[in-house]
Amino acid sequence: MDAVSMMILISIGNVVAWVAAMRGRPAERMLLLNVVVCCLGAFAGGGLAVWLTPTGLARIPLIFLGFLGALLALRLTRRLFRQAED
C-alpha cells in the first residue's frame, strides 16, 4: 500500500468519525475513540481492497471498502459499548 492510499484511508476514517460524533447522542460523542476505530476499520477495508484488486486499479475499491470498513468498525464498537453499559 502506497502513501497516497494510506492518506486516503486516514482521511476516510477521520471523516466517518467526525460525522458519527456530530450525529451521535452526547453520551456517544467519543471523538478520539471514533477516530482510532474508524481509521483501523478503513485500513482493514483498504487492505481487503488491495488484496482483491489487481495493481493500479485499486483506487475506487479502496475508497469504497475503506468507507465500508470504517462504518462497520464503528457500528461494532458502539454495539459492544452499549452491551457493556446494560
N, C-alpha and C. Protein backbone atom coordinates (compact mmCIF):
# COMPACT_ATOMS: atom_id res chain seq x y z
N MET A 1 0.85 -1.16 0.00
CA MET A 1 0.00 0.00 0.00
C MET A 1 0.91 1.24 0.00
N ASP A 2 0.65 2.14 -0.91
CA ASP A 2 1.49 3.33 -1.03
C ASP A 2 1.02 4.45 -0.10
N ALA A 3 1.77 5.53 -0.08
CA ALA A 3 1.48 6.64 0.84
C ALA A 3 0.16 7.33 0.50
N VAL A 4 -0.17 7.44 -0.76
CA VAL A 4 -1.43 8.08 -1.15
C VAL A 4 -2.62 7.26 -0.66
N SER A 5 -2.55 5.96 -0.79
CA SER A 5 -3.63 5.09 -0.31
C SER A 5 -3.78 5.21 1.19
N MET A 6 -2.67 5.28 1.90
CA MET A 6 -2.75 5.42 3.35
C MET A 6 -3.36 6.75 3.75
N MET A 7 -3.03 7.82 3.05
CA MET A 7 -3.62 9.13 3.34
C MET A 7 -5.12 9.14 3.04
N ILE A 8 -5.51 8.47 1.97
CA ILE A 8 -6.93 8.37 1.64
C ILE A 8 -7.67 7.65 2.76
N LEU A 9 -7.11 6.55 3.25
CA LEU A 9 -7.78 5.77 4.29
C LEU A 9 -7.83 6.53 5.62
N ILE A 10 -6.79 7.25 5.96
CA ILE A 10 -6.82 8.05 7.18
C ILE A 10 -7.88 9.15 7.06
N SER A 11 -7.97 9.76 5.89
CA SER A 11 -8.99 10.79 5.68
C SER A 11 -10.39 10.23 5.77
N ILE A 12 -10.61 9.07 5.19
CA ILE A 12 -11.92 8.42 5.27
C ILE A 12 -12.26 8.12 6.72
N GLY A 13 -11.32 7.58 7.46
CA GLY A 13 -11.56 7.27 8.87
C GLY A 13 -11.89 8.51 9.68
N ASN A 14 -11.18 9.60 9.42
CA ASN A 14 -11.44 10.84 10.16
C ASN A 14 -12.80 11.43 9.82
N VAL A 15 -13.18 11.42 8.57
CA VAL A 15 -14.47 11.97 8.16
C VAL A 15 -15.61 11.15 8.75
N VAL A 16 -15.52 9.84 8.67
CA VAL A 16 -16.57 8.98 9.24
C VAL A 16 -16.68 9.19 10.74
N ALA A 17 -15.55 9.30 11.43
CA ALA A 17 -15.57 9.51 12.88
C ALA A 17 -16.16 10.87 13.23
N TRP A 18 -15.84 11.88 12.47
CA TRP A 18 -16.36 13.21 12.74
C TRP A 18 -17.87 13.27 12.53
N VAL A 19 -18.35 12.68 11.44
CA VAL A 19 -19.79 12.66 11.18
C VAL A 19 -20.51 11.85 12.26
N ALA A 20 -19.93 10.75 12.68
CA ALA A 20 -20.54 9.94 13.74
C ALA A 20 -20.59 10.70 15.05
N ALA A 21 -19.58 11.47 15.35
CA ALA A 21 -19.57 12.26 16.59
C ALA A 21 -20.59 13.39 16.53
N MET A 22 -20.79 13.98 15.37
CA MET A 22 -21.77 15.06 15.24
C MET A 22 -23.20 14.54 15.28
N ARG A 23 -23.42 13.36 14.75
CA ARG A 23 -24.78 12.81 14.70
C ARG A 23 -25.13 11.99 15.93
N GLY A 24 -24.16 11.64 16.74
CA GLY A 24 -24.41 10.79 17.90
C GLY A 24 -25.02 11.56 19.06
N ARG A 25 -25.57 10.81 19.99
CA ARG A 25 -26.07 11.41 21.22
C ARG A 25 -24.89 11.89 22.04
N PRO A 26 -25.11 12.80 22.98
CA PRO A 26 -23.98 13.32 23.77
C PRO A 26 -23.18 12.23 24.50
N ALA A 27 -23.81 11.17 24.91
CA ALA A 27 -23.09 10.09 25.59
C ALA A 27 -22.22 9.30 24.62
N GLU A 28 -22.52 9.36 23.34
CA GLU A 28 -21.77 8.60 22.34
C GLU A 28 -20.73 9.44 21.61
N ARG A 29 -20.48 10.64 22.04
CA ARG A 29 -19.54 11.52 21.35
C ARG A 29 -18.13 11.30 21.85
N MET A 30 -17.60 10.16 21.56
CA MET A 30 -16.23 9.83 21.92
C MET A 30 -15.38 9.99 20.67
N LEU A 31 -14.98 11.21 20.37
CA LEU A 31 -14.34 11.50 19.09
C LEU A 31 -13.01 10.78 18.93
N LEU A 32 -12.19 10.77 19.96
CA LEU A 32 -10.88 10.12 19.84
C LEU A 32 -11.02 8.62 19.60
N LEU A 33 -11.90 7.98 20.34
CA LEU A 33 -12.14 6.55 20.12
C LEU A 33 -12.71 6.31 18.72
N ASN A 34 -13.63 7.17 18.29
CA ASN A 34 -14.20 7.02 16.96
C ASN A 34 -13.13 7.15 15.88
N VAL A 35 -12.21 8.09 16.04
CA VAL A 35 -11.16 8.29 15.04
C VAL A 35 -10.27 7.05 14.96
N VAL A 36 -9.87 6.53 16.11
CA VAL A 36 -9.00 5.35 16.11
C VAL A 36 -9.71 4.15 15.49
N VAL A 37 -10.94 3.91 15.92
CA VAL A 37 -11.69 2.75 15.43
C VAL A 37 -11.98 2.88 13.94
N CYS A 38 -12.38 4.05 13.49
CA CYS A 38 -12.69 4.24 12.07
C CYS A 38 -11.45 4.13 11.20
N CYS A 39 -10.32 4.65 11.67
CA CYS A 39 -9.08 4.52 10.88
C CYS A 39 -8.66 3.06 10.79
N LEU A 40 -8.78 2.32 11.88
CA LEU A 40 -8.45 0.89 11.82
C LEU A 40 -9.39 0.13 10.89
N GLY A 41 -10.67 0.47 10.95
CA GLY A 41 -11.64 -0.16 10.05
C GLY A 41 -11.38 0.20 8.60
N ALA A 42 -11.01 1.46 8.35
CA ALA A 42 -10.70 1.89 6.99
C ALA A 42 -9.46 1.16 6.47
N PHE A 43 -8.45 0.98 7.33
CA PHE A 43 -7.26 0.25 6.90
C PHE A 43 -7.58 -1.22 6.64
N ALA A 44 -8.47 -1.81 7.43
CA ALA A 44 -8.86 -3.20 7.19
C ALA A 44 -9.59 -3.33 5.85
N GLY A 45 -10.54 -2.42 5.60
CA GLY A 45 -11.24 -2.44 4.32
C GLY A 45 -10.34 -2.12 3.15
N GLY A 46 -9.43 -1.19 3.33
CA GLY A 46 -8.47 -0.85 2.27
C GLY A 46 -7.51 -1.99 1.99
N GLY A 47 -7.10 -2.69 3.04
CA GLY A 47 -6.24 -3.86 2.84
C GLY A 47 -6.95 -4.94 2.06
N LEU A 48 -8.24 -5.10 2.34
CA LEU A 48 -9.04 -6.07 1.59
C LEU A 48 -9.15 -5.65 0.12
N ALA A 49 -9.31 -4.35 -0.12
CA ALA A 49 -9.41 -3.86 -1.50
C ALA A 49 -8.11 -4.08 -2.25
N VAL A 50 -6.98 -3.83 -1.58
CA VAL A 50 -5.68 -4.04 -2.23
C VAL A 50 -5.47 -5.52 -2.52
N TRP A 51 -5.93 -6.36 -1.62
CA TRP A 51 -5.76 -7.80 -1.79
C TRP A 51 -6.64 -8.34 -2.91
N LEU A 52 -7.85 -7.77 -3.08
CA LEU A 52 -8.79 -8.28 -4.06
C LEU A 52 -8.58 -7.75 -5.48
N THR A 53 -8.05 -6.55 -5.62
CA THR A 53 -7.96 -5.94 -6.94
C THR A 53 -6.53 -6.01 -7.48
N PRO A 54 -6.39 -6.03 -8.79
CA PRO A 54 -5.04 -6.03 -9.37
C PRO A 54 -4.35 -4.68 -9.14
N THR A 55 -3.06 -4.67 -9.29
CA THR A 55 -2.29 -3.45 -9.04
C THR A 55 -2.70 -2.35 -10.02
N GLY A 56 -2.75 -1.14 -9.52
CA GLY A 56 -3.07 0.00 -10.35
C GLY A 56 -4.55 0.30 -10.48
N LEU A 57 -5.41 -0.63 -10.13
CA LEU A 57 -6.86 -0.42 -10.27
C LEU A 57 -7.55 -0.33 -8.91
N ALA A 58 -6.82 -0.07 -7.86
CA ALA A 58 -7.38 -0.22 -6.52
C ALA A 58 -7.93 1.07 -5.93
N ARG A 59 -8.01 2.18 -6.63
CA ARG A 59 -8.45 3.43 -6.01
C ARG A 59 -9.94 3.43 -5.67
N ILE A 60 -10.80 3.09 -6.60
CA ILE A 60 -12.24 3.10 -6.33
C ILE A 60 -12.62 2.03 -5.32
N PRO A 61 -12.20 0.78 -5.46
CA PRO A 61 -12.50 -0.20 -4.41
C PRO A 61 -11.86 0.15 -3.07
N LEU A 62 -10.71 0.80 -3.10
CA LEU A 62 -10.05 1.22 -1.87
C LEU A 62 -10.92 2.22 -1.12
N ILE A 63 -11.46 3.19 -1.82
CA ILE A 63 -12.31 4.19 -1.17
C ILE A 63 -13.60 3.55 -0.68
N PHE A 64 -14.22 2.74 -1.51
CA PHE A 64 -15.49 2.11 -1.12
C PHE A 64 -15.32 1.16 0.06
N LEU A 65 -14.36 0.26 -0.02
CA LEU A 65 -14.16 -0.70 1.07
C LEU A 65 -13.57 -0.05 2.32
N GLY A 66 -12.79 1.01 2.14
CA GLY A 66 -12.31 1.76 3.30
C GLY A 66 -13.45 2.42 4.05
N PHE A 67 -14.36 3.02 3.32
CA PHE A 67 -15.54 3.63 3.92
C PHE A 67 -16.42 2.59 4.60
N LEU A 68 -16.63 1.48 3.93
CA LEU A 68 -17.44 0.40 4.49
C LEU A 68 -16.79 -0.20 5.74
N GLY A 69 -15.48 -0.39 5.70
CA GLY A 69 -14.77 -0.91 6.87
C GLY A 69 -14.85 0.03 8.06
N ALA A 70 -14.74 1.33 7.81
CA ALA A 70 -14.85 2.32 8.89
C ALA A 70 -16.24 2.30 9.51
N LEU A 71 -17.26 2.22 8.67
CA LEU A 71 -18.63 2.18 9.19
C LEU A 71 -18.89 0.91 9.99
N LEU A 72 -18.43 -0.22 9.49
CA LEU A 72 -18.65 -1.48 10.21
C LEU A 72 -17.89 -1.51 11.54
N ALA A 73 -16.69 -1.00 11.55
CA ALA A 73 -15.91 -0.97 12.80
C ALA A 73 -16.58 -0.06 13.82
N LEU A 74 -17.08 1.08 13.37
CA LEU A 74 -17.77 1.99 14.28
C LEU A 74 -19.05 1.37 14.82
N ARG A 75 -19.79 0.73 13.96
CA ARG A 75 -21.04 0.08 14.37
C ARG A 75 -20.78 -1.02 15.40
N LEU A 76 -19.76 -1.83 15.15
CA LEU A 76 -19.41 -2.90 16.07
C LEU A 76 -18.97 -2.35 17.42
N THR A 77 -18.17 -1.31 17.40
CA THR A 77 -17.70 -0.71 18.65
C THR A 77 -18.86 -0.12 19.45
N ARG A 78 -19.75 0.57 18.78
CA ARG A 78 -20.90 1.15 19.50
C ARG A 78 -21.79 0.06 20.08
N ARG A 79 -21.97 -1.03 19.34
CA ARG A 79 -22.78 -2.13 19.85
C ARG A 79 -22.12 -2.77 21.07
N LEU A 80 -20.81 -2.94 21.04
CA LEU A 80 -20.11 -3.50 22.18
C LEU A 80 -20.18 -2.59 23.40
N PHE A 81 -20.09 -1.28 23.20
CA PHE A 81 -20.19 -0.36 24.32
C PHE A 81 -21.61 -0.32 24.89
N ARG A 82 -22.61 -0.44 24.04
CA ARG A 82 -23.99 -0.47 24.54
C ARG A 82 -24.23 -1.72 25.39
N GLN A 83 -23.70 -2.87 24.96
CA GLN A 83 -23.87 -4.09 25.73
C GLN A 83 -23.14 -4.00 27.05
N ALA A 84 -21.99 -3.33 27.09
CA ALA A 84 -21.24 -3.19 28.32
C ALA A 84 -21.97 -2.28 29.31
N GLU A 85 -22.71 -1.29 28.80
CA GLU A 85 -23.46 -0.39 29.68
C GLU A 85 -24.69 -1.06 30.28
N ASP A 86 -25.28 -1.98 29.54
CA ASP A 86 -26.53 -2.63 30.03
C ASP A 86 -26.27 -3.65 31.09
